[in-house]
N, C-alpha and C. Protein backbone atom coordinates (compact mmCIF):
# COMPACT_ATOMS: atom_id res chain seq x y z
N UNK A 1 12.91 -40.20 -44.11
CA UNK A 1 11.97 -41.21 -43.66
C UNK A 1 10.94 -40.69 -42.64
N UNK A 2 11.34 -39.81 -41.74
CA UNK A 2 10.40 -39.36 -40.71
C UNK A 2 9.29 -38.51 -41.33
N UNK A 3 9.60 -37.76 -42.37
CA UNK A 3 8.57 -36.95 -43.03
C UNK A 3 7.51 -37.87 -43.66
N UNK A 4 7.96 -38.96 -44.27
CA UNK A 4 7.00 -39.91 -44.84
C UNK A 4 6.11 -40.50 -43.75
N UNK A 5 6.70 -40.79 -42.59
CA UNK A 5 5.91 -41.33 -41.48
C UNK A 5 4.87 -40.33 -41.01
N UNK A 6 5.26 -39.08 -40.94
CA UNK A 6 4.32 -38.04 -40.52
C UNK A 6 3.17 -37.95 -41.51
N UNK A 7 3.50 -37.95 -42.79
CA UNK A 7 2.45 -37.87 -43.81
C UNK A 7 1.52 -39.07 -43.76
N UNK A 8 2.07 -40.23 -43.45
CA UNK A 8 1.25 -41.45 -43.36
C UNK A 8 0.61 -41.61 -41.99
N UNK A 9 0.91 -40.68 -41.07
CA UNK A 9 0.41 -40.71 -39.69
C UNK A 9 0.82 -41.98 -38.96
N UNK A 10 2.06 -42.40 -39.20
CA UNK A 10 2.58 -43.59 -38.53
C UNK A 10 3.35 -43.26 -37.26
N UNK A 11 3.32 -42.01 -36.87
CA UNK A 11 4.05 -41.59 -35.68
C UNK A 11 3.09 -41.50 -34.51
N UNK A 12 3.51 -42.03 -33.39
CA UNK A 12 2.71 -41.98 -32.17
C UNK A 12 2.75 -40.55 -31.63
N UNK A 13 1.63 -39.87 -31.70
CA UNK A 13 1.57 -38.47 -31.28
C UNK A 13 1.80 -38.28 -29.78
N UNK A 14 1.65 -39.34 -29.01
CA UNK A 14 1.85 -39.23 -27.57
C UNK A 14 3.28 -39.55 -27.14
N UNK A 15 4.09 -40.03 -28.06
CA UNK A 15 5.45 -40.43 -27.72
C UNK A 15 6.42 -39.29 -27.99
N UNK A 16 6.25 -38.21 -27.24
CA UNK A 16 7.10 -37.04 -27.39
C UNK A 16 7.78 -36.71 -26.08
N UNK A 17 8.91 -36.03 -26.21
CA UNK A 17 9.65 -35.55 -25.06
C UNK A 17 9.85 -34.05 -25.27
N UNK A 18 9.70 -33.27 -24.24
CA UNK A 18 9.85 -31.82 -24.36
C UNK A 18 11.27 -31.42 -23.99
N UNK A 19 11.94 -30.76 -24.92
CA UNK A 19 13.27 -30.21 -24.64
C UNK A 19 13.03 -28.95 -23.81
N UNK A 20 13.54 -28.89 -22.58
CA UNK A 20 13.12 -27.85 -21.65
C UNK A 20 13.55 -26.42 -21.99
N UNK A 21 14.71 -26.21 -22.56
CA UNK A 21 15.17 -24.85 -22.79
C UNK A 21 14.54 -24.20 -24.02
N UNK A 22 14.39 -24.96 -25.08
CA UNK A 22 13.77 -24.44 -26.29
C UNK A 22 12.29 -24.80 -26.38
N UNK A 23 11.83 -25.64 -25.49
CA UNK A 23 10.45 -26.10 -25.45
C UNK A 23 10.02 -26.70 -26.80
N UNK A 24 10.89 -27.51 -27.35
CA UNK A 24 10.61 -28.21 -28.60
C UNK A 24 10.25 -29.65 -28.29
N UNK A 25 9.27 -30.16 -29.00
CA UNK A 25 8.89 -31.56 -28.81
C UNK A 25 9.76 -32.45 -29.69
N UNK A 26 10.34 -33.46 -29.08
CA UNK A 26 11.14 -34.45 -29.80
C UNK A 26 10.38 -35.76 -29.82
N UNK A 27 10.28 -36.33 -30.99
CA UNK A 27 9.64 -37.64 -31.12
C UNK A 27 10.52 -38.68 -30.45
N UNK A 28 9.94 -39.59 -29.68
CA UNK A 28 10.71 -40.60 -28.97
C UNK A 28 10.88 -41.89 -29.76
N UNK A 29 9.90 -42.24 -30.57
CA UNK A 29 9.94 -43.52 -31.30
C UNK A 29 9.39 -43.35 -32.70
N UNK A 30 10.06 -43.96 -33.65
CA UNK A 30 9.53 -44.11 -35.00
C UNK A 30 10.01 -45.47 -35.51
N UNK A 31 9.32 -46.04 -36.46
CA UNK A 31 9.74 -47.35 -36.97
C UNK A 31 11.05 -47.33 -37.75
N UNK A 32 11.42 -46.19 -38.34
CA UNK A 32 12.57 -46.19 -39.25
C UNK A 32 13.76 -45.33 -38.82
N UNK A 33 13.61 -44.52 -37.79
CA UNK A 33 14.70 -43.65 -37.35
C UNK A 33 15.22 -44.15 -36.01
N UNK A 34 16.53 -44.35 -35.88
CA UNK A 34 17.09 -44.81 -34.60
C UNK A 34 16.76 -43.81 -33.48
N UNK A 35 16.42 -44.34 -32.32
CA UNK A 35 15.99 -43.48 -31.21
C UNK A 35 17.07 -42.51 -30.75
N UNK A 36 18.34 -42.91 -30.80
CA UNK A 36 19.38 -42.00 -30.35
C UNK A 36 19.48 -40.76 -31.24
N UNK A 37 19.10 -40.88 -32.50
CA UNK A 37 19.10 -39.73 -33.40
C UNK A 37 17.95 -38.79 -33.08
N UNK A 38 16.86 -39.32 -32.60
CA UNK A 38 15.69 -38.51 -32.28
C UNK A 38 15.90 -37.65 -31.03
N UNK A 39 16.82 -38.05 -30.20
CA UNK A 39 17.14 -37.29 -28.99
C UNK A 39 18.54 -36.69 -29.16
N UNK A 40 18.63 -35.40 -29.50
CA UNK A 40 19.93 -34.80 -29.81
C UNK A 40 21.00 -35.02 -28.74
N UNK A 41 20.63 -34.98 -27.49
CA UNK A 41 21.61 -35.16 -26.41
C UNK A 41 22.27 -36.53 -26.48
N UNK A 42 21.52 -37.52 -26.94
CA UNK A 42 22.06 -38.87 -27.03
C UNK A 42 23.09 -39.05 -28.13
N UNK A 43 23.19 -38.09 -29.03
CA UNK A 43 24.18 -38.19 -30.10
C UNK A 43 25.55 -37.69 -29.66
N UNK A 44 25.62 -37.13 -28.48
CA UNK A 44 26.89 -36.62 -27.94
C UNK A 44 27.48 -37.64 -26.98
N UNK A 45 28.75 -37.94 -27.13
CA UNK A 45 29.43 -38.84 -26.19
C UNK A 45 29.56 -38.18 -24.82
N UNK A 46 29.81 -36.87 -24.83
CA UNK A 46 29.98 -36.12 -23.58
C UNK A 46 28.70 -35.33 -23.30
N UNK A 47 27.86 -35.88 -22.45
CA UNK A 47 26.56 -35.27 -22.15
C UNK A 47 26.71 -33.90 -21.48
N UNK A 48 27.73 -33.75 -20.64
CA UNK A 48 27.97 -32.46 -19.99
C UNK A 48 28.33 -31.40 -21.02
N UNK A 49 29.09 -31.77 -22.02
CA UNK A 49 29.45 -30.83 -23.09
C UNK A 49 28.21 -30.43 -23.88
N UNK A 50 27.31 -31.38 -24.12
CA UNK A 50 26.05 -31.06 -24.80
C UNK A 50 25.26 -30.06 -23.97
N UNK A 51 25.13 -30.34 -22.68
CA UNK A 51 24.36 -29.45 -21.80
C UNK A 51 24.95 -28.04 -21.80
N UNK A 52 26.26 -27.95 -21.75
CA UNK A 52 26.93 -26.65 -21.77
C UNK A 52 26.69 -25.95 -23.11
N UNK A 53 26.79 -26.70 -24.18
CA UNK A 53 26.61 -26.11 -25.51
C UNK A 53 25.18 -25.64 -25.74
N UNK A 54 24.20 -26.38 -25.26
CA UNK A 54 22.82 -25.94 -25.47
C UNK A 54 22.51 -24.70 -24.63
N UNK A 55 23.10 -24.61 -23.45
CA UNK A 55 22.93 -23.39 -22.64
C UNK A 55 23.59 -22.21 -23.34
N UNK A 56 24.74 -22.43 -23.96
CA UNK A 56 25.40 -21.37 -24.72
C UNK A 56 24.54 -20.96 -25.92
N UNK A 57 23.94 -21.92 -26.58
CA UNK A 57 23.07 -21.64 -27.72
C UNK A 57 21.86 -20.80 -27.29
N UNK A 58 21.29 -21.11 -26.15
CA UNK A 58 20.18 -20.32 -25.61
C UNK A 58 20.62 -18.88 -25.38
N UNK A 59 21.79 -18.72 -24.77
CA UNK A 59 22.31 -17.38 -24.50
C UNK A 59 22.50 -16.60 -25.81
N UNK A 60 23.08 -17.25 -26.82
CA UNK A 60 23.29 -16.59 -28.11
C UNK A 60 21.96 -16.23 -28.77
N UNK A 61 21.00 -17.13 -28.68
CA UNK A 61 19.68 -16.87 -29.25
C UNK A 61 19.05 -15.66 -28.57
N UNK A 62 19.08 -15.62 -27.25
CA UNK A 62 18.48 -14.52 -26.50
C UNK A 62 19.18 -13.20 -26.82
N UNK A 63 20.49 -13.23 -26.90
CA UNK A 63 21.26 -12.02 -27.21
C UNK A 63 20.89 -11.51 -28.60
N UNK A 64 20.83 -12.40 -29.57
CA UNK A 64 20.49 -12.01 -30.93
C UNK A 64 19.06 -11.48 -31.01
N UNK A 65 18.14 -12.15 -30.34
CA UNK A 65 16.73 -11.77 -30.43
C UNK A 65 16.44 -10.46 -29.71
N UNK A 66 17.27 -10.06 -28.77
CA UNK A 66 17.02 -8.84 -28.01
C UNK A 66 16.88 -7.62 -28.92
N UNK A 67 17.49 -7.65 -30.09
CA UNK A 67 17.37 -6.54 -31.03
C UNK A 67 15.96 -6.42 -31.61
N UNK A 68 15.17 -7.47 -31.50
CA UNK A 68 13.84 -7.48 -32.10
C UNK A 68 12.71 -7.41 -31.06
N UNK A 69 13.04 -7.46 -29.79
CA UNK A 69 12.02 -7.56 -28.74
C UNK A 69 11.00 -6.42 -28.78
N UNK A 70 11.44 -5.23 -29.11
CA UNK A 70 10.51 -4.09 -29.13
C UNK A 70 9.72 -4.00 -30.43
N UNK A 71 10.04 -4.87 -31.38
CA UNK A 71 9.41 -4.81 -32.70
C UNK A 71 8.41 -5.94 -32.95
N UNK A 72 8.28 -6.84 -31.99
CA UNK A 72 7.37 -7.98 -32.18
C UNK A 72 6.38 -8.06 -31.02
N UNK A 73 5.33 -8.83 -31.23
CA UNK A 73 4.34 -9.04 -30.17
C UNK A 73 4.98 -9.74 -28.97
N UNK A 74 4.51 -9.43 -27.77
CA UNK A 74 5.05 -10.08 -26.57
C UNK A 74 4.93 -11.61 -26.61
N UNK A 75 3.90 -12.11 -27.27
CA UNK A 75 3.73 -13.57 -27.37
C UNK A 75 4.91 -14.22 -28.09
N UNK A 76 5.44 -13.52 -29.06
CA UNK A 76 6.59 -14.05 -29.79
C UNK A 76 7.81 -14.08 -28.88
N UNK A 77 7.98 -13.03 -28.10
CA UNK A 77 9.10 -12.99 -27.16
C UNK A 77 9.00 -14.13 -26.14
N UNK A 78 7.79 -14.41 -25.69
CA UNK A 78 7.58 -15.47 -24.71
C UNK A 78 7.83 -16.86 -25.28
N UNK A 79 7.79 -16.98 -26.59
CA UNK A 79 7.96 -18.29 -27.22
C UNK A 79 9.42 -18.69 -27.37
N UNK A 80 10.32 -17.80 -27.06
CA UNK A 80 11.74 -18.10 -27.22
C UNK A 80 12.28 -18.99 -26.11
N UNK A 81 13.53 -19.38 -26.25
CA UNK A 81 14.14 -20.25 -25.23
C UNK A 81 14.28 -19.54 -23.90
N UNK A 82 14.33 -20.33 -22.84
CA UNK A 82 14.42 -19.77 -21.48
C UNK A 82 15.72 -20.13 -20.83
């Protein structure tokens, strides 16, 4: 459903939230998708566990990407999670 909304331009482009570690924009509101699904942290009963898991995911991403850092443009390295 969200893809159809995007194609029809029914999504409010200003209603976004920035996920701080991955710097991904999350849509806050759509007519057909429940808001808790749009915010991944809200799908977890234990918010502290979510926070810990996303920090672990960032660490794993950085560790994996380190093998490619010397092979890509610096801009690509800067675009990764912090």
